Amino acid sequence: MLIKRKSIEKEESSRPARKPKFAPVTLSEQDGVRYLHFGTEWVQGAMRIRKPNWPELEYAQQMMAAMLWQEQPRHVAQLGLGTATLTKFSYVTFPAATITAVELNPSVIAICESMFKLPPNDARLRVLEMDALDFVNDEANADTIDALQVDLYDATARGPVLDTAEFYQACNRCLRDDGIMTVNLFGDHPSYARNIKAIKFAFTQVICLPEVHDGNVVAIAFKRQRPIDIEALTARAAQIFAETKLPAKSWVKGIAASLAK
């Protein structure tokens, strides 16, 4: 996630220390919303304390855009856990689906369990402590995922930490024939053009939703070419809103605007 707000926790020390493997995981709260940081002002995720399973931030809501084409996905996966927003929402929204989340930093997993209401692993939910690159390159994961949600940022927020054509090709291989990937990008950063070029190299069809927050752009990438029927998508968006309250009609408007360019 790439919006800023000041963390209430700071790492301070008068003595030099060895560089940690991971940036410190810190928290802040404001107006009933708890935020995750990696020791900086950059927000890595958010949770409204009274609605722990709701995707509070608009970009996170947009990351669910595969729902416009997939009513009942069998397997939804997240690369990058954040505050477990997408993991929790997918877990409660698709009760017949398997949910897999991949996170390299064990401290992020621990704080999601203790502070962000992440449920324990069970028959449907797997939270894996591993590198996202290793996950997508594992042949066991090929052709197994319907909806893949990629949100991979570090403390510096200089763009996704995995952004090569080879990485996105590996993401493609993990998808089933009708699979869809959504990716959180930073539209105001030089990394945006590089990522879009790599995604378009790896995927048949790519649509970008309008920018939100402080530069977040969600790209929707399709395993296979799909006709974009705005009327049908509008009807599906109304169904999504009725069932989940997600503002899916705005996604369709964004898709229409993107196609009109």
C-alpha atoms as a PDB file:
ATOM      1  CA  MET A   1       0.000   0.000   0.000  1.00  0.00           C
ATOM      2  CA  LEU A   2       1.312   3.462  -0.814  1.00  0.00           C
ATOM      3  CA  ILE A   3      -0.465   6.111   1.219  1.00  0.00           C
ATOM      4  CA  LYS A   4       1.262   7.927   4.039  1.00  0.00           C
ATOM      5  CA  ARG A   5       0.407   8.556   7.638  1.00  0.00           C
ATOM      6  CA  LYS A   6       2.735   8.963  10.579  1.00  0.00           C
ATOM      7  CA  SER A   7       3.497   5.889  12.643  1.00  0.00           C
ATOM      8  CA  ILE A   8       3.197   6.229  16.411  1.00  0.00           C
ATOM      9  CA  GLU A   9       6.132   3.851  16.827  1.00  0.00           C
ATOM     10  CA  LYS A  10       9.706   4.679  15.836  1.00  0.00           C
ATOM     11  CA  GLU A  11      12.894   2.691  16.123  1.00  0.00           C
ATOM     12  CA  GLU A  12      15.410   4.752  18.073  1.00  0.00           C
ATOM     13  CA  SER A  13      18.891   3.802  19.195  1.00  0.00           C
ATOM     14  CA  SER A  14      22.052   5.722  20.039  1.00  0.00           C
ATOM     15  CA  ARG A  15      24.215   2.715  19.267  1.00  0.00           C
ATOM     16  CA  PRO A  16      25.005   1.419  15.793  1.00  0.00           C
ATOM     17  CA  ALA A  17      23.292  -1.876  15.076  1.00  0.00           C
ATOM     18  CA  ARG A  18      23.506  -4.507  12.435  1.00  0.00           C
ATOM     19  CA  LYS A  19      21.058  -3.995   9.602  1.00  0.00           C
ATOM     20  CA  PRO A  20      17.961  -6.123  10.306  1.00  0.00           C
ATOM     21  CA  LYS A  21      16.761  -8.655   7.798  1.00  0.00           C
ATOM     22  CA  PHE A  22      13.363  -6.994   7.756  1.00  0.00           C
ATOM     23  CA  ALA A  23      12.229  -3.462   8.489  1.00  0.00           C
ATOM     24  CA  PRO A  24      10.507  -3.066  11.872  1.00  0.00           C
ATOM     25  CA  VAL A  25       6.775  -3.693  11.878  1.00  0.00           C
ATOM     26  CA  THR A  26       4.993  -0.727  13.463  1.00  0.00           C
ATOM     27  CA  LEU A  27       1.393   0.363  14.040  1.00  0.00           C
ATOM     28  CA  SER A  28      -0.697   3.495  14.226  1.00  0.00           C
ATOM     29  CA  GLU A  29      -4.380   4.165  14.873  1.00  0.00           C
ATOM     30  CA  GLN A  30      -6.689   7.021  13.922  1.00  0.00           C
ATOM     31  CA  ASP A  31     -10.476   7.396  13.867  1.00  0.00           C
ATOM     32  CA  GLY A  32     -11.110   3.737  14.564  1.00  0.00           C
ATOM     33  CA  VAL A  33      -8.696   2.472  11.905  1.00  0.00           C
ATOM     34  CA  ARG A  34      -5.508   0.540  12.686  1.00  0.00           C
ATOM     35  CA  TYR A  35      -2.624   0.910  10.215  1.00  0.00           C
ATOM     36  CA  LEU A  36       0.434  -1.226   9.521  1.00  0.00           C
ATOM     37  CA  HIS A  37       3.819   0.326   8.725  1.00  0.00           C
ATOM     38  CA  PHE A  38       7.317  -0.989   8.152  1.00  0.00           C
ATOM     39  CA  GLY A  39       8.984   1.605  10.374  1.00  0.00           C
ATOM     40  CA  THR A  40       8.089   4.513   8.046  1.00  0.00           C
ATOM     41  CA  GLU A  41       5.076   6.724   7.318  1.00  0.00           C
ATOM     42  CA  TRP A  42       4.094   4.533   4.368  1.00  0.00           C
ATOM     43  CA  VAL A  43       0.926   2.568   5.074  1.00  0.00           C
ATOM     44  CA  GLN A  44       1.155  -1.137   4.267  1.00  0.00           C
ATOM     45  CA  GLY A  45      -2.478  -1.893   5.122  1.00  0.00           C
ATOM     46  CA  ALA A  46      -5.400  -0.865   7.300  1.00  0.00           C
ATOM     47  CA  MET A  47      -8.263  -2.376   9.295  1.00  0.00           C
ATOM     48  CA  ARG A  48     -11.345  -0.682  10.708  1.00  0.00           C
ATOM     49  CA  ILE A  49     -11.373  -2.134  14.203  1.00  0.00           C
ATOM     50  CA  ARG A  50     -15.153  -2.590  14.301  1.00  0.00           C
ATOM     51  CA  LYS A  51     -15.197  -4.221  10.835  1.00  0.00           C
ATOM     52  CA  PRO A  52     -12.063  -6.396  10.760  1.00  0.00           C
ATOM     53  CA  ASN A  53     -13.004  -8.316   7.600  1.00  0.00           C
ATOM     54  CA  TRP A  54     -13.867  -5.252   5.514  1.00  0.00           C
ATOM     55  CA  PRO A  55     -11.309  -3.882   2.995  1.00  0.00           C
ATOM     56  CA  GLU A  56     -11.018  -0.375   4.396  1.00  0.00           C
ATOM     57  CA  LEU A  57      -8.841   1.192   1.702  1.00  0.00           C
ATOM     58  CA  GLU A  58     -10.208   1.823  -1.788  1.00  0.00           C
ATOM     59  CA  TYR A  59      -7.274   0.218  -3.560  1.00  0.00           C
ATOM     60  CA  ALA A  60      -7.836  -2.975  -1.526  1.00  0.00           C
ATOM     61  CA  GLN A  61     -11.461  -3.001  -2.619  1.00  0.00           C
ATOM     62  CA  GLN A  62     -10.314  -2.693  -6.239  1.00  0.00           C
ATOM     63  CA  MET A  63      -7.972  -5.641  -5.755  1.00  0.00           C
ATOM     64  CA  MET A  64     -11.161  -7.754  -5.583  1.00  0.00           C
ATOM     65  CA  ALA A  65     -12.100  -6.751  -9.156  1.00  0.00           C
ATOM     66  CA  ALA A  66     -11.789 -10.331 -10.416  1.00  0.00           C
ATOM     67  CA  MET A  67     -15.221 -10.804  -8.827  1.00  0.00           C
ATOM     68  CA  LEU A  68     -16.695  -9.055 -11.883  1.00  0.00           C
ATOM     69  CA  TRP A  69     -15.901 -12.209 -13.875  1.00  0.00           C
ATOM     70  CA  GLN A  70     -15.592 -14.855 -11.149  1.00  0.00           C
ATOM     71  CA  GLU A  71     -18.609 -15.451  -8.923  1.00  0.00           C
ATOM     72  CA  GLN A  72     -17.272 -18.529  -7.118  1.00  0.00           C
ATOM     73  CA  PRO A  73     -13.490 -18.880  -7.446  1.00  0.00           C
ATOM     74  CA  ARG A  74     -12.076 -22.170  -6.199  1.00  0.00           C
ATOM     75  CA  HIS A  75      -8.676 -20.825  -5.167  1.00  0.00           C
ATOM     76  CA  VAL A  76      -7.760 -17.223  -4.300  1.00  0.00           C
ATOM     77  CA  ALA A  77      -4.155 -16.336  -3.469  1.00  0.00           C
ATOM     78  CA  GLN A  78      -2.383 -13.246  -2.170  1.00  0.00           C
ATOM     79  CA  LEU A  79       1.299 -12.450  -2.651  1.00  0.00           C
ATOM     80  CA  GLY A  80       2.062 -10.111   0.230  1.00  0.00           C
ATOM     81  CA  LEU A  81      -0.058 -10.327   3.372  1.00  0.00           C
ATOM     82  CA  GLY A  82      -0.164  -6.696   4.539  1.00  0.00           C
ATOM     83  CA  THR A  83      -2.858  -6.551   7.212  1.00  0.00           C
ATOM     84  CA  ALA A  84      -4.472  -9.707   5.787  1.00  0.00           C
ATOM     85  CA  THR A  85      -7.272  -7.569   4.344  1.00  0.00           C
ATOM     86  CA  LEU A  86      -7.668  -9.504   1.109  1.00  0.00           C
ATOM     87  CA  THR A  87      -7.057 -12.815   2.831  1.00  0.00           C
ATOM     88  CA  LYS A  88      -9.795 -12.257   5.427  1.00  0.00           C
ATOM     89  CA  PHE A  89     -12.298 -10.809   2.977  1.00  0.00           C
ATOM     90  CA  SER A  90     -11.784 -13.674   0.516  1.00  0.00           C
ATOM     91  CA  TYR A  91     -12.044 -16.214   3.331  1.00  0.00           C
ATOM     92  CA  VAL A  92     -15.477 -14.978   4.437  1.00  0.00           C
ATOM     93  CA  THR A  93     -16.804 -14.059   0.979  1.00  0.00           C
ATOM     94  CA  PHE A  94     -15.977 -17.344  -0.784  1.00  0.00           C
ATOM     95  CA  PRO A  95     -16.836 -20.061   1.762  1.00  0.00           C
ATOM     96  CA  ALA A  96     -16.170 -22.878  -0.716  1.00  0.00           C
ATOM     97  CA  ALA A  97     -12.772 -21.554  -1.840  1.00  0.00           C
ATOM     98  CA  THR A  98      -9.250 -22.292  -0.709  1.00  0.00           C
ATOM     99  CA  ILE A  99      -7.354 -19.142   0.309  1.00  0.00           C
ATOM    100  CA  THR A 100      -3.554 -18.984   0.204  1.00  0.00           C
ATOM    101  CA  ALA A 101      -1.488 -16.038   1.421  1.00  0.00           C
ATOM    102  CA  VAL A 102       2.273 -15.817   0.897  1.00  0.00           C
ATOM    103  CA  GLU A 103       4.365 -13.603   3.184  1.00  0.00           C
ATOM    104  CA  LEU A 104       8.135 -13.567   3.633  1.00  0.00           C
ATOM    105  CA  ASN A 105       8.290 -11.636   6.911  1.00  0.00           C
ATOM    106  CA  PRO A 106       7.307 -13.752   9.953  1.00  0.00           C
ATOM    107  CA  SER A 107       6.679 -10.606  11.997  1.00  0.00           C
ATOM    108  CA  VAL A 108       3.959  -9.532   9.563  1.00  0.00           C
ATOM    109  CA  ILE A 109       2.244 -12.895   9.946  1.00  0.00           C
ATOM    110  CA  ALA A 110       2.488 -12.686  13.736  1.00  0.00           C
ATOM    111  CA  ILE A 111       1.091  -9.164  13.945  1.00  0.00           C
ATOM    112  CA  CYS A 112      -1.758 -10.047  11.582  1.00  0.00           C
ATOM    113  CA  GLU A 113      -2.681 -12.846  13.956  1.00  0.00           C
ATOM    114  CA  SER A 114      -2.429 -10.697  17.082  1.00  0.00           C
ATOM    115  CA  MET A 115      -3.603  -7.268  15.879  1.00  0.00           C
ATOM    116  CA  PHE A 116      -5.503  -7.712  12.602  1.00  0.00           C
ATOM    117  CA  LYS A 117      -7.817 -10.661  13.341  1.00  0.00           C
ATOM    118  CA  LEU A 118      -6.211 -13.122  10.910  1.00  0.00           C
ATOM    119  CA  PRO A 119      -7.805 -16.520  11.625  1.00  0.00           C
ATOM    120  CA  PRO A 120      -5.606 -19.597  12.098  1.00  0.00           C
ATOM    121  CA  ASN A 121      -4.803 -21.902   9.218  1.00  0.00           C
ATOM    122  CA  ASP A 122      -7.415 -24.550   8.582  1.00  0.00           C
ATOM    123  CA  ALA A 123      -8.685 -26.793   5.783  1.00  0.00           C
ATOM    124  CA  ARG A 124      -9.398 -23.740   3.587  1.00  0.00           C
ATOM    125  CA  LEU A 125      -6.826 -21.180   4.711  1.00  0.00           C
ATOM    126  CA  ARG A 126      -3.051 -21.388   4.279  1.00  0.00           C
ATOM    127  CA  VAL A 127      -0.709 -18.575   5.267  1.00  0.00           C
ATOM    128  CA  LEU A 128       2.745 -19.512   4.026  1.00  0.00           C
ATOM    129  CA  GLU A 129       5.976 -17.957   5.283  1.00  0.00           C
ATOM    130  CA  MET A 130       7.969 -17.949   2.053  1.00  0.00           C
ATOM    131  CA  ASP A 131       9.253 -15.821  -0.807  1.00  0.00           C
ATOM    132  CA  ALA A 132       6.566 -14.970  -3.366  1.00  0.00           C
ATOM    133  CA  LEU A 133       9.035 -15.687  -6.167  1.00  0.00           C
ATOM    134  CA  ASP A 134       9.587 -19.213  -4.863  1.00  0.00           C
ATOM    135  CA  PHE A 135       5.838 -19.700  -4.622  1.00  0.00           C
ATOM    136  CA  VAL A 136       5.066 -18.731  -8.210  1.00  0.00           C
ATOM    137  CA  ASN A 137       8.026 -20.739  -9.523  1.00  0.00           C
ATOM    138  CA  ASP A 138       6.910 -23.895  -7.707  1.00  0.00           C
ATOM    139  CA  GLU A 139       5.509 -26.275 -10.332  1.00  0.00           C
ATOM    140  CA  ALA A 140       3.052 -27.582  -7.746  1.00  0.00           C
ATOM    141  CA  ASN A 141       1.255 -24.220  -7.963  1.00  0.00           C
ATOM    142  CA  ALA A 142       0.926 -24.161 -11.755  1.00  0.00           C
ATOM    143  CA  ASP A 143      -2.667 -23.977 -13.067  1.00  0.00           C
ATOM    144  CA  THR A 144      -4.151 -23.947  -9.545  1.00  0.00           C
ATOM    145  CA  ILE A 145      -5.310 -20.364  -8.879  1.00  0.00           C
ATOM    146  CA  ASP A 146      -8.396 -18.524 -10.095  1.00  0.00           C
ATOM    147  CA  ALA A 147      -7.700 -15.072  -8.616  1.00  0.00           C
ATOM    148  CA  LEU A 148      -4.159 -13.935  -7.787  1.00  0.00           C
ATOM    149  CA  GLN A 149      -3.706 -10.673  -5.854  1.00  0.00           C
ATOM    150  CA  VAL A 150      -0.203  -9.195  -5.895  1.00  0.00           C
ATOM    151  CA  ASP A 151       0.756  -6.447  -3.421  1.00  0.00           C
ATOM    152  CA  LEU A 152       4.491  -6.619  -2.802  1.00  0.00           C
ATOM    153  CA  TYR A 153       6.056  -3.509  -1.279  1.00  0.00           C
ATOM    154  CA  ASP A 154       8.871  -3.014   1.194  1.00  0.00           C
ATOM    155  CA  ALA A 155       9.464  -0.210   3.688  1.00  0.00           C
ATOM    156  CA  THR A 156      10.914   2.167   1.076  1.00  0.00           C
ATOM    157  CA  ALA A 157       7.800   2.008  -1.141  1.00  0.00           C
ATOM    158  CA  ARG A 158       9.900   2.446  -4.281  1.00  0.00           C
ATOM    159  CA  GLY A 159       7.716   0.094  -6.299  1.00  0.00           C
ATOM    160  CA  PRO A 160       6.899  -3.615  -6.155  1.00  0.00           C
ATOM    161  CA  VAL A 161       9.853  -5.675  -4.978  1.00  0.00           C
ATOM    162  CA  LEU A 162       9.156  -8.216  -7.731  1.00  0.00           C
ATOM    163  CA  ASP A 163       8.543  -6.576 -11.086  1.00  0.00           C
ATOM    164  CA  THR A 164      10.209  -8.486 -13.900  1.00  0.00           C
ATOM    165  CA  ALA A 165       8.567 -10.053 -16.938  1.00  0.00           C
ATOM    166  CA  GLU A 166       9.802 -13.420 -15.668  1.00  0.00           C
ATOM    167  CA  PHE A 167       8.023 -12.909 -12.348  1.00  0.00           C
ATOM    168  CA  TYR A 168       4.747 -12.007 -14.028  1.00  0.00           C
ATOM    169  CA  GLN A 169       5.113 -14.944 -16.433  1.00  0.00           C
ATOM    170  CA  ALA A 170       5.431 -17.181 -13.381  1.00  0.00           C
ATOM    171  CA  CYS A 171       2.270 -15.572 -11.952  1.00  0.00           C
ATOM    172  CA  ASN A 172       0.535 -16.356 -15.244  1.00  0.00           C
ATOM    173  CA  ARG A 173       1.567 -19.999 -15.031  1.00  0.00           C
ATOM    174  CA  CYS A 174      -0.031 -20.278 -11.592  1.00  0.00           C
ATOM    175  CA  LEU A 175      -3.427 -19.258 -12.973  1.00  0.00           C
ATOM    176  CA  ARG A 176      -6.079 -21.554 -14.340  1.00  0.00           C
ATOM    177  CA  ASP A 177      -7.301 -20.932 -17.913  1.00  0.00           C
ATOM    178  CA  ASP A 178      -9.860 -18.332 -16.781  1.00  0.00           C
ATOM    179  CA  GLY A 179      -7.559 -16.899 -14.130  1.00  0.00           C
ATOM    180  CA  ILE A 180      -7.205 -13.205 -13.317  1.00  0.00           C
ATOM    181  CA  MET A 181      -4.398 -11.345 -11.559  1.00  0.00           C
ATOM    182  CA  THR A 182      -4.797  -7.961  -9.850  1.00  0.00           C
ATOM    183  CA  VAL A 183      -1.677  -5.967  -8.969  1.00  0.00           C
ATOM    184  CA  ASN A 184      -1.237  -2.899  -6.779  1.00  0.00           C
ATOM    185  CA  LEU A 185       1.056  -0.439  -8.580  1.00  0.00           C
ATOM    186  CA  PHE A 186       2.261   3.077  -7.827  1.00  0.00           C
ATOM    187  CA  GLY A 187       1.149   5.280 -10.720  1.00  0.00           C
ATOM    188  CA  ASP A 188       3.268   8.299  -9.804  1.00  0.00           C
ATOM    189  CA  HIS A 189       6.536   6.359  -9.668  1.00  0.00           C
ATOM    190  CA  PRO A 190       8.978   5.300 -12.427  1.00  0.00           C
ATOM    191  CA  SER A 191       8.314   1.679 -11.435  1.00  0.00           C
ATOM    192  CA  TYR A 192       4.799   1.960 -12.915  1.00  0.00           C
ATOM    193  CA  ALA A 193       5.826   1.956 -16.576  1.00  0.00           C
ATOM    194  CA  ARG A 194       8.279  -0.886 -15.966  1.00  0.00           C
ATOM    195  CA  ASN A 195       5.641  -3.019 -14.293  1.00  0.00           C
ATOM    196  CA  ILE A 196       2.955  -2.337 -16.884  1.00  0.00           C
ATOM    197  CA  LYS A 197       5.383  -3.279 -19.659  1.00  0.00           C
ATOM    198  CA  ALA A 198       6.295  -6.520 -17.851  1.00  0.00           C
ATOM    199  CA  ILE A 199       2.647  -7.411 -17.120  1.00  0.00           C
ATOM    200  CA  LYS A 200       1.626  -6.795 -20.735  1.00  0.00           C
ATOM    201  CA  PHE A 201       4.489  -9.004 -21.892  1.00  0.00           C
ATOM    202  CA  ALA A 202       3.302 -11.834 -19.636  1.00  0.00           C
ATOM    203  CA  PHE A 203      -0.487 -11.506 -20.010  1.00  0.00           C
ATOM    204  CA  THR A 204      -2.841 -11.490 -22.976  1.00  0.00           C
ATOM    205  CA  GLN A 205      -4.995  -8.598 -21.762  1.00  0.00           C
ATOM    206  CA  VAL A 206      -4.404  -5.862 -19.167  1.00  0.00           C
ATOM    207  CA  ILE A 207      -6.755  -3.124 -17.924  1.00  0.00           C
ATOM    208  CA  CYS A 208      -5.815  -0.446 -15.360  1.00  0.00           C
ATOM    209  CA  LEU A 209      -8.344   1.133 -13.026  1.00  0.00           C
ATOM    210  CA  PRO A 210      -8.137   4.877 -12.294  1.00  0.00           C
ATOM    211  CA  GLU A 211      -5.610   6.043  -9.715  1.00  0.00           C
ATOM    212  CA  VAL A 212      -6.742   6.308  -6.091  1.00  0.00           C
ATOM    213  CA  HIS A 213      -5.196   7.402  -2.754  1.00  0.00           C
ATOM    214  CA  ASP A 214      -1.691   8.811  -3.166  1.00  0.00           C
ATOM    215  CA  GLY A 215      -1.008   7.113  -6.479  1.00  0.00           C
ATOM    216  CA  ASN A 216      -2.288   3.549  -6.215  1.00  0.00           C
ATOM    217  CA  VAL A 217      -3.264   1.999  -9.547  1.00  0.00           C
ATOM    218  CA  VAL A 218      -4.732  -1.500  -9.698  1.00  0.00           C
ATOM    219  CA  ALA A 219      -3.957  -3.424 -12.878  1.00  0.00           C
ATOM    220  CA  ILE A 220      -6.230  -6.308 -13.922  1.00  0.00           C
ATOM    221  CA  ALA A 221      -4.466  -8.969 -16.009  1.00  0.00           C
ATOM    222  CA  PHE A 222      -6.256 -11.824 -17.751  1.00  0.00           C
ATOM    223  CA  LYS A 223      -4.860 -15.268 -18.525  1.00  0.00           C
ATOM    224  CA  ARG A 224      -6.917 -15.318 -21.731  1.00  0.00           C
ATOM    225  CA  GLN A 225      -8.465 -12.587 -23.846  1.00  0.00           C
ATOM    226  CA  ARG A 226     -11.986 -11.695 -22.747  1.00  0.00           C
ATOM    227  CA  PRO A 227     -14.684  -9.617 -24.429  1.00  0.00           C
ATOM    228  CA  ILE A 228     -15.473  -6.652 -22.179  1.00  0.00           C
ATOM    229  CA  ASP A 229     -19.254  -6.343 -22.035  1.00  0.00           C
ATOM    230  CA  ILE A 230     -19.906  -3.180 -20.014  1.00  0.00           C
ATOM    231  CA  GLU A 231     -23.638  -3.863 -19.728  1.00  0.00           C
ATOM    232  CA  ALA A 232     -23.043  -7.364 -18.345  1.00  0.00           C
ATOM    233  CA  LEU A 233     -20.333  -6.080 -16.005  1.00  0.00           C
ATOM    234  CA  THR A 234     -22.679  -3.369 -14.730  1.00  0.00           C
ATOM    235  CA  ALA A 235     -25.280  -5.999 -13.877  1.00  0.00           C
ATOM    236  CA  ARG A 236     -22.668  -8.122 -12.139  1.00  0.00           C
ATOM    237  CA  ALA A 237     -21.409  -5.042 -10.249  1.00  0.00           C
ATOM    238  CA  ALA A 238     -24.888  -4.435  -8.888  1.00  0.00           C
ATOM    239  CA  GLN A 239     -24.990  -8.032  -7.658  1.00  0.00           C
ATOM    240  CA  ILE A 240     -21.584  -7.653  -5.985  1.00  0.00           C
ATOM    241  CA  PHE A 241     -22.704  -4.475  -4.221  1.00  0.00           C
ATOM    242  CA  ALA A 242     -25.926  -6.094  -3.024  1.00  0.00           C
ATOM    243  CA  GLU A 243     -24.027  -9.063  -1.604  1.00  0.00           C
ATOM    244  CA  THR A 244     -20.870  -7.415  -0.239  1.00  0.00           C
ATOM    245  CA  LYS A 245     -21.265  -3.590  -0.331  1.00  0.00           C
ATOM    246  CA  LEU A 246     -18.105  -3.347  -2.443  1.00  0.00           C
ATOM    247  CA  PRO A 247     -18.368  -0.338  -4.821  1.00  0.00           C
ATOM    248  CA  ALA A 248     -18.083  -2.512  -7.926  1.00  0.00           C
ATOM    249  CA  LYS A 249     -20.006  -0.076 -10.138  1.00  0.00           C
ATOM    250  CA  SER A 250     -17.061   2.309  -9.852  1.00  0.00           C
ATOM    251  CA  TRP A 251     -14.763  -0.467 -11.089  1.00  0.00           C
ATOM    252  CA  VAL A 252     -16.897  -0.863 -14.212  1.00  0.00           C
ATOM    253  CA  LYS A 253     -16.819   2.881 -14.806  1.00  0.00           C
ATOM    254  CA  GLY A 254     -13.040   2.757 -14.480  1.00  0.00           C
ATOM    255  CA  ILE A 255     -12.814  -0.148 -16.922  1.00  0.00           C
ATOM    256  CA  ALA A 256     -15.004   1.720 -19.430  1.00  0.00           C
ATOM    257  CA  ALA A 257     -12.846   4.838 -19.065  1.00  0.00           C
ATOM    258  CA  SER A 258      -9.676   2.783 -19.577  1.00  0.00           C
ATOM    259  CA  LEU A 259     -11.041   1.199 -22.745  1.00  0.00           C
ATOM    260  CA  ALA A 260     -12.110   4.587 -24.099  1.00  0.00           C
ATOM    261  CA  LYS A 261      -8.551   5.949 -23.987  1.00  0.00           C
END
